[in-house]
PDB file of all heavy atoms in Angstrom:
ATOM      1  N   ASP A   1     -46.646  33.961  30.508  1.00  0.00           N
ATOM      2  CA  ASP A   1     -47.081  34.972  29.554  1.00  0.00           C
ATOM      3  C   ASP A   1     -47.932  34.293  28.484  1.00  0.00           C
ATOM      4  O   ASP A   1     -47.415  33.582  27.623  1.00  0.00           O
ATOM      5  CB  ASP A   1     -45.851  35.640  28.931  1.00  0.00           C
ATOM      6  CG  ASP A   1     -46.227  36.747  27.954  1.00  0.00           C
ATOM      7  OD1 ASP A   1     -47.436  36.964  27.731  1.00  0.00           O
ATOM      8  OD2 ASP A   1     -45.303  37.380  27.409  1.00  0.00           O
ATOM      9  N   GLU A   2     -49.230  34.514  28.529  1.00  0.00           N
ATOM     10  CA  GLU A   2     -50.142  33.817  27.625  1.00  0.00           C
ATOM     11  C   GLU A   2     -50.025  34.305  26.191  1.00  0.00           C
ATOM     12  O   GLU A   2     -50.522  33.648  25.266  1.00  0.00           O
ATOM     13  CB  GLU A   2     -51.582  33.973  28.132  1.00  0.00           C
ATOM     14  CG  GLU A   2     -51.802  33.300  29.489  1.00  0.00           C
ATOM     15  CD  GLU A   2     -53.196  33.535  30.036  1.00  0.00           C
ATOM     16  OE1 GLU A   2     -53.972  34.258  29.370  1.00  0.00           O
ATOM     17  OE2 GLU A   2     -53.498  33.008  31.123  1.00  0.00           O
ATOM     18  N   GLN A   3     -49.417  35.467  25.995  1.00  0.00           N
ATOM     19  CA  GLN A   3     -49.268  35.998  24.638  1.00  0.00           C
ATOM     20  C   GLN A   3     -48.034  35.436  23.928  1.00  0.00           C
ATOM     21  O   GLN A   3     -47.844  35.659  22.736  1.00  0.00           O
ATOM     22  CB  GLN A   3     -49.170  37.533  24.688  1.00  0.00           C
ATOM     23  CG  GLN A   3     -50.312  38.206  25.427  1.00  0.00           C
ATOM     24  CD  GLN A   3     -51.673  37.804  24.892  1.00  0.00           C
ATOM     25  OE1 GLN A   3     -51.885  37.809  23.676  1.00  0.00           O
ATOM     26  NE2 GLN A   3     -52.593  37.470  25.779  1.00  0.00           N
ATOM     27  N   ALA A   4     -47.212  34.702  24.664  1.00  0.00           N
ATOM     28  CA  ALA A   4     -45.942  34.230  24.099  1.00  0.00           C
ATOM     29  C   ALA A   4     -46.086  32.947  23.296  1.00  0.00           C
ATOM     30  O   ALA A   4     -45.165  32.566  22.563  1.00  0.00           O
ATOM     31  CB  ALA A   4     -44.919  34.027  25.220  1.00  0.00           C
ATOM     32  N   PHE A   5     -47.242  32.270  23.421  1.00  0.00           N
ATOM     33  CA  PHE A   5     -47.389  30.962  22.776  1.00  0.00           C
ATOM     34  C   PHE A   5     -48.666  30.904  21.940  1.00  0.00           C
ATOM     35  O   PHE A   5     -49.685  31.502  22.284  1.00  0.00           O
ATOM     36  CB  PHE A   5     -47.420  29.844  23.828  1.00  0.00           C
ATOM     37  CG  PHE A   5     -46.159  29.758  24.639  1.00  0.00           C
ATOM     38  CD1 PHE A   5     -46.085  30.326  25.909  1.00  0.00           C
ATOM     39  CD2 PHE A   5     -45.032  29.131  24.126  1.00  0.00           C
ATOM     40  CE1 PHE A   5     -44.925  30.263  26.650  1.00  0.00           C
ATOM     41  CE2 PHE A   5     -43.860  29.065  24.872  1.00  0.00           C
ATOM     42  CZ  PHE A   5     -43.806  29.633  26.132  1.00  0.00           C
ATOM     43  N   GLU A   6     -48.554  30.166  20.859  1.00  0.00           N
ATOM     44  CA  GLU A   6     -49.707  29.913  19.993  1.00  0.00           C
ATOM     45  C   GLU A   6     -49.673  28.448  19.581  1.00  0.00           C
ATOM     46  O   GLU A   6     -48.672  27.974  19.015  1.00  0.00           O
ATOM     47  CB  GLU A   6     -49.664  30.807  18.753  1.00  0.00           C
ATOM     48  CG  GLU A   6     -50.856  30.606  17.835  1.00  0.00           C
ATOM     49  CD  GLU A   6     -50.759  31.431  16.577  1.00  0.00           C
ATOM     50  OE1 GLU A   6     -49.918  32.357  16.526  1.00  0.00           O
ATOM     51  OE2 GLU A   6     -51.515  31.143  15.621  1.00  0.00           O
ATOM     52  N   LEU A   7     -50.753  27.742  19.885  1.00  0.00           N
ATOM     53  CA  LEU A   7     -50.812  26.326  19.549  1.00  0.00           C
ATOM     54  C   LEU A   7     -50.633  26.128  18.047  1.00  0.00           C
ATOM     55  O   LEU A   7     -51.276  26.794  17.236  1.00  0.00           O
ATOM     56  CB  LEU A   7     -52.151  25.740  19.992  1.00  0.00           C
ATOM     57  CG  LEU A   7     -52.364  25.641  21.507  1.00  0.00           C
ATOM     58  CD1 LEU A   7     -53.796  25.198  21.810  1.00  0.00           C
ATOM     59  CD2 LEU A   7     -51.379  24.674  22.118  1.00  0.00           C
ATOM     60  N   GLY A   8     -49.762  25.184  17.704  1.00  0.00           N
ATOM     61  CA  GLY A   8     -49.505  24.899  16.296  1.00  0.00           C
ATOM     62  C   GLY A   8     -48.413  25.757  15.693  1.00  0.00           C
ATOM     63  O   GLY A   8     -47.895  25.446  14.617  1.00  0.00           O
ATOM     64  N   ARG A   9     -48.038  26.859  16.385  1.00  0.00           N
ATOM     65  CA  ARG A   9     -46.973  27.727  15.864  1.00  0.00           C
ATOM     66  C   ARG A   9     -45.663  27.508  16.609  1.00  0.00           C
ATOM     67  O   ARG A   9     -44.644  27.179  15.998  1.00  0.00           O
ATOM     68  CB  ARG A   9     -47.387  29.201  15.950  1.00  0.00           C
ATOM     69  CG  ARG A   9     -46.327  30.162  15.390  1.00  0.00           C
ATOM     70  CD  ARG A   9     -46.794  31.609  15.442  1.00  0.00           C
ATOM     71  NE  ARG A   9     -46.971  32.069  16.803  1.00  0.00           N
ATOM     72  CZ  ARG A   9     -45.987  32.524  17.588  1.00  0.00           C
ATOM     73  NH1 ARG A   9     -44.743  32.550  17.139  1.00  0.00           N
ATOM     74  NH2 ARG A   9     -46.232  32.946  18.821  1.00  0.00           N
ATOM     75  N   ASN A  10     -45.682  27.668  17.929  1.00  0.00           N
ATOM     76  CA  ASN A  10     -44.450  27.457  18.691  1.00  0.00           C
ATOM     77  C   ASN A  10     -44.659  26.534  19.886  1.00  0.00           C
ATOM     78  O   ASN A  10     -43.808  26.450  20.772  1.00  0.00           O
ATOM     79  CB  ASN A  10     -43.849  28.788  19.143  1.00  0.00           C
ATOM     80  CG  ASN A  10     -44.804  29.591  20.023  1.00  0.00           C
ATOM     81  OD1 ASN A  10     -45.948  29.206  20.249  1.00  0.00           O
ATOM     82  ND2 ASN A  10     -44.338  30.728  20.508  1.00  0.00           N
ATOM     83  N   ILE A  11     -45.780  25.846  19.894  1.00  0.00           N
ATOM     84  CA  ILE A  11     -46.052  24.839  20.916  1.00  0.00           C
ATOM     85  C   ILE A  11     -47.048  23.856  20.308  1.00  0.00           C
ATOM     86  O   ILE A  11     -47.919  24.256  19.518  1.00  0.00           O
ATOM     87  CB  ILE A  11     -46.598  25.493  22.203  1.00  0.00           C
ATOM     88  CG1 ILE A  11     -46.549  24.547  23.395  1.00  0.00           C
ATOM     89  CG2 ILE A  11     -47.995  26.048  22.010  1.00  0.00           C
ATOM     90  CD1 ILE A  11     -46.805  25.224  24.740  1.00  0.00           C
ATOM     91  N   ALA A  12     -46.918  22.573  20.591  1.00  0.00           N
ATOM     92  CA  ALA A  12     -47.765  21.539  19.967  1.00  0.00           C
ATOM     93  C   ALA A  12     -47.632  21.585  18.449  1.00  0.00           C
ATOM     94  O   ALA A  12     -48.608  21.762  17.712  1.00  0.00           O
ATOM     95  CB  ALA A  12     -49.229  21.717  20.377  1.00  0.00           C
ATOM     96  N   THR A  13     -46.408  21.383  17.973  1.00  0.00           N
ATOM     97  CA  THR A  13     -46.125  21.581  16.546  1.00  0.00           C
ATOM     98  C   THR A  13     -45.816  20.305  15.767  1.00  0.00           C
ATOM     99  O   THR A  13     -45.597  20.377  14.554  1.00  0.00           O
ATOM    100  CB  THR A  13     -44.928  22.536  16.376  1.00  0.00           C
ATOM    101  OG1 THR A  13     -43.783  21.970  17.029  1.00  0.00           O
ATOM    102  CG2 THR A  13     -45.222  23.898  16.979  1.00  0.00           C
ATOM    103  N   THR A  14     -45.777  19.143  16.411  1.00  0.00           N
ATOM    104  CA  THR A  14     -45.473  17.920  15.666  1.00  0.00           C
ATOM    105  C   THR A  14     -46.536  17.700  14.593  1.00  0.00           C
ATOM    106  O   THR A  14     -47.736  17.712  14.884  1.00  0.00           O
ATOM    107  CB  THR A  14     -45.402  16.706  16.607  1.00  0.00           C
ATOM    108  OG1 THR A  14     -44.353  16.918  17.558  1.00  0.00           O
ATOM    109  CG2 THR A  14     -45.124  15.431  15.837  1.00  0.00           C
ATOM    110  N   PRO A  15     -46.128  17.483  13.326  1.00  0.00           N
ATOM    111  CA  PRO A  15     -47.097  17.363  12.234  1.00  0.00           C
ATOM    112  C   PRO A  15     -48.027  16.160  12.398  1.00  0.00           C
ATOM    113  O   PRO A  15     -47.581  15.045  12.689  1.00  0.00           O
ATOM    114  CB  PRO A  15     -46.221  17.204  10.985  1.00  0.00           C
ATOM    115  CG  PRO A  15     -44.909  17.814  11.375  1.00  0.00           C
ATOM    116  CD  PRO A  15     -44.734  17.489  12.829  1.00  0.00           C
ATOM    117  N   GLY A  16     -49.303  16.390  12.215  1.00  0.00           N
ATOM    118  CA  GLY A  16     -50.304  15.339  12.298  1.00  0.00           C
ATOM    119  C   GLY A  16     -51.645  15.871  11.838  1.00  0.00           C
ATOM    120  O   GLY A  16     -51.767  17.048  11.471  1.00  0.00           O
ATOM    121  N   ASP A  17     -52.652  15.017  11.861  1.00  0.00           N
ATOM    122  CA  ASP A  17     -53.970  15.415  11.368  1.00  0.00           C
ATOM    123  C   ASP A  17     -55.070  14.796  12.215  1.00  0.00           C
ATOM    124  O   ASP A  17     -54.953  13.644  12.682  1.00  0.00           O
ATOM    125  CB  ASP A  17     -54.145  14.960   9.915  1.00  0.00           C
ATOM    126  CG  ASP A  17     -53.114  15.582   8.992  1.00  0.00           C
ATOM    127  OD1 ASP A  17     -53.271  16.756   8.649  1.00  0.00           O
ATOM    128  OD2 ASP A  17     -52.134  14.887   8.648  1.00  0.00           O
ATOM    129  N   VAL A  18     -56.137  15.547  12.392  1.00  0.00           N
ATOM    130  CA  VAL A  18     -57.333  15.020  13.044  1.00  0.00           C
ATOM    131  C   VAL A  18     -58.076  14.168  12.029  1.00  0.00           C
ATOM    132  O   VAL A  18     -58.470  14.657  10.965  1.00  0.00           O
ATOM    133  CB  VAL A  18     -58.234  16.167  13.544  1.00  0.00           C
ATOM    134  CG1 VAL A  18     -59.521  15.611  14.157  1.00  0.00           C
ATOM    135  CG2 VAL A  18     -57.495  17.034  14.553  1.00  0.00           C
ATOM    136  N   ILE A  19     -58.277  12.886  12.381  1.00  0.00           N
ATOM    137  CA  ILE A  19     -58.913  11.980  11.423  1.00  0.00           C
ATOM    138  C   ILE A  19     -60.250  11.422  11.959  1.00  0.00           C
ATOM    139  O   ILE A  19     -60.908  10.639  11.273  1.00  0.00           O
ATOM    140  CB  ILE A  19     -57.955  10.827  11.034  1.00  0.00           C
ATOM    141  CG1 ILE A  19     -57.286  10.169  12.263  1.00  0.00           C
ATOM    142  CG2 ILE A  19     -56.869  11.350  10.099  1.00  0.00           C
ATOM    143  CD1 ILE A  19     -58.117   9.197  13.015  1.00  0.00           C
ATOM    144  N   TYR A  20     -60.624  11.850  13.181  1.00  0.00           N
ATOM    145  CA  TYR A  20     -61.902  11.404  13.751  1.00  0.00           C
ATOM    146  C   TYR A  20     -62.281  12.384  14.859  1.00  0.00           C
ATOM    147  O   TYR A  20     -61.418  12.901  15.574  1.00  0.00           O
ATOM    148  CB  TYR A  20     -61.777   9.996  14.328  1.00  0.00           C
ATOM    149  CG  TYR A  20     -63.046   9.488  14.995  1.00  0.00           C
ATOM    150  CD1 TYR A  20     -64.090   8.952  14.242  1.00  0.00           C
ATOM    151  CD2 TYR A  20     -63.200   9.557  16.380  1.00  0.00           C
ATOM    152  CE1 TYR A  20     -65.259   8.502  14.846  1.00  0.00           C
ATOM    153  CE2 TYR A  20     -64.359   9.101  16.993  1.00  0.00           C
ATOM    154  CZ  TYR A  20     -65.387   8.574  16.221  1.00  0.00           C
ATOM    155  OH  TYR A  20     -66.535   8.136  16.830  1.00  0.00           O
ATOM    156  N   ARG A  21     -63.581  12.625  14.969  1.00  0.00           N
ATOM    157  CA  ARG A  21     -64.073  13.510  16.017  1.00  0.00           C
ATOM    158  C   ARG A  21     -65.456  13.053  16.450  1.00  0.00           C
ATOM    159  O   ARG A  21     -66.311  12.734  15.612  1.00  0.00           O
ATOM    160  CB  ARG A  21     -64.127  14.948  15.514  1.00  0.00           C
ATOM    161  CG  ARG A  21     -64.685  15.953  16.521  1.00  0.00           C
ATOM    162  CD  ARG A  21     -64.854  17.342  15.901  1.00  0.00           C
ATOM    163  NE  ARG A  21     -63.576  17.944  15.544  1.00  0.00           N
ATOM    164  CZ  ARG A  21     -63.292  18.410  14.335  1.00  0.00           C
ATOM    165  NH1 ARG A  21     -64.175  18.301  13.347  1.00  0.00           N
ATOM    166  NH2 ARG A  21     -62.111  18.964  14.086  1.00  0.00           N
ATOM    167  N   ASN A  22     -65.683  12.975  17.749  1.00  0.00           N
ATOM    168  CA  ASN A  22     -67.037  12.819  18.281  1.00  0.00           C
ATOM    169  C   ASN A  22     -67.206  13.807  19.437  1.00  0.00           C
ATOM    170  O   ASN A  22     -66.364  14.698  19.618  1.00  0.00           O
ATOM    171  CB  ASN A  22     -67.328  11.368  18.694  1.00  0.00           C
ATOM    172  CG  ASN A  22     -66.455  10.870  19.853  1.00  0.00           C
ATOM    173  OD1 ASN A  22     -65.872  11.662  20.594  1.00  0.00           O
ATOM    174  ND2 ASN A  22     -66.371   9.564  20.014  1.00  0.00           N
ATOM    175  N   ARG A  23     -68.229  13.676  20.230  1.00  0.00           N
ATOM    176  CA  ARG A  23     -68.493  14.681  21.260  1.00  0.00           C
ATOM    177  C   ARG A  23     -67.471  14.641  22.395  1.00  0.00           C
ATOM    178  O   ARG A  23     -67.358  15.601  23.167  1.00  0.00           O
ATOM    179  CB  ARG A  23     -69.887  14.476  21.859  1.00  0.00           C
ATOM    180  CG  ARG A  23     -70.038  13.154  22.614  1.00  0.00           C
ATOM    181  CD  ARG A  23     -71.360  13.049  23.320  1.00  0.00           C
ATOM    182  NE  ARG A  23     -71.411  11.846  24.153  1.00  0.00           N
ATOM    183  CZ  ARG A  23     -72.035  11.772  25.320  1.00  0.00           C
ATOM    184  NH1 ARG A  23     -72.678  12.823  25.785  1.00  0.00           N
ATOM    185  NH2 ARG A  23     -72.031  10.658  26.010  1.00  0.00           N
ATOM    186  N   MET A  24     -66.698  13.538  22.504  1.00  0.00           N
ATOM    187  CA  MET A  24     -65.772  13.383  23.617  1.00  0.00           C
ATOM    188  C   MET A  24     -64.317  13.670  23.252  1.00  0.00           C
ATOM    189  O   MET A  24     -63.547  14.119  24.096  1.00  0.00           O
ATOM    190  CB  MET A  24     -65.852  11.952  24.189  1.00  0.00           C
ATOM    191  CG  MET A  24     -67.199  11.605  24.804  1.00  0.00           C
ATOM    192  SD  MET A  24     -67.686  12.704  26.157  1.00  0.00           S
ATOM    193  CE  MET A  24     -66.365  12.432  27.313  1.00  0.00           C
ATOM    194  N   LEU A  25     -63.934  13.373  22.022  1.00  0.00           N
ATOM    195  CA  LEU A  25     -62.516  13.505  21.690  1.00  0.00           C
ATOM    196  C   LEU A  25     -62.298  13.687  20.203  1.00  0.00           C
ATOM    197  O   LEU A  25     -63.164  13.389  19.381  1.00  0.00           O
ATOM    198  CB  LEU A  25     -61.721  12.299  22.187  1.00  0.00           C
ATOM    199  CG  LEU A  25     -61.612  11.033  21.318  1.00  0.00           C
ATOM    200  CD1 LEU A  25     -60.660  10.035  21.949  1.00  0.00           C
ATOM    201  CD2 LEU A  25     -62.947  10.386  21.035  1.00  0.00           C
ATOM    202  N   GLU A  26     -61.134  14.201  19.878  1.00  0.00           N
ATOM    203  CA  GLU A  26     -60.589  14.148  18.523  1.00  0.00           C
ATOM    204  C   GLU A  26     -59.447  13.146  18.547  1.00  0.00           C
ATOM    205  O   GLU A  26     -58.709  13.061  19.538  1.00  0.00           O
ATOM    206  CB  GLU A  26     -60.051  15.519  18.095  1.00  0.00           C
ATOM    207  CG  GLU A  26     -61.127  16.565  17.905  1.00  0.00           C
ATOM    208  CD  GLU A  26     -60.571  17.931  17.540  1.00  0.00           C
ATOM    209  OE1 GLU A  26     -59.393  18.209  17.874  1.00  0.00           O
ATOM    210  OE2 GLU A  26     -61.310  18.714  16.942  1.00  0.00           O
TER     211      GLU A  26
END
């Protein structure tokens, strides 16, 4: 059920921060 999950809310929730980004990765 694709409506049951939201990234950052109830899945992939471990606290962290994006500190670098280029065309290939964050």
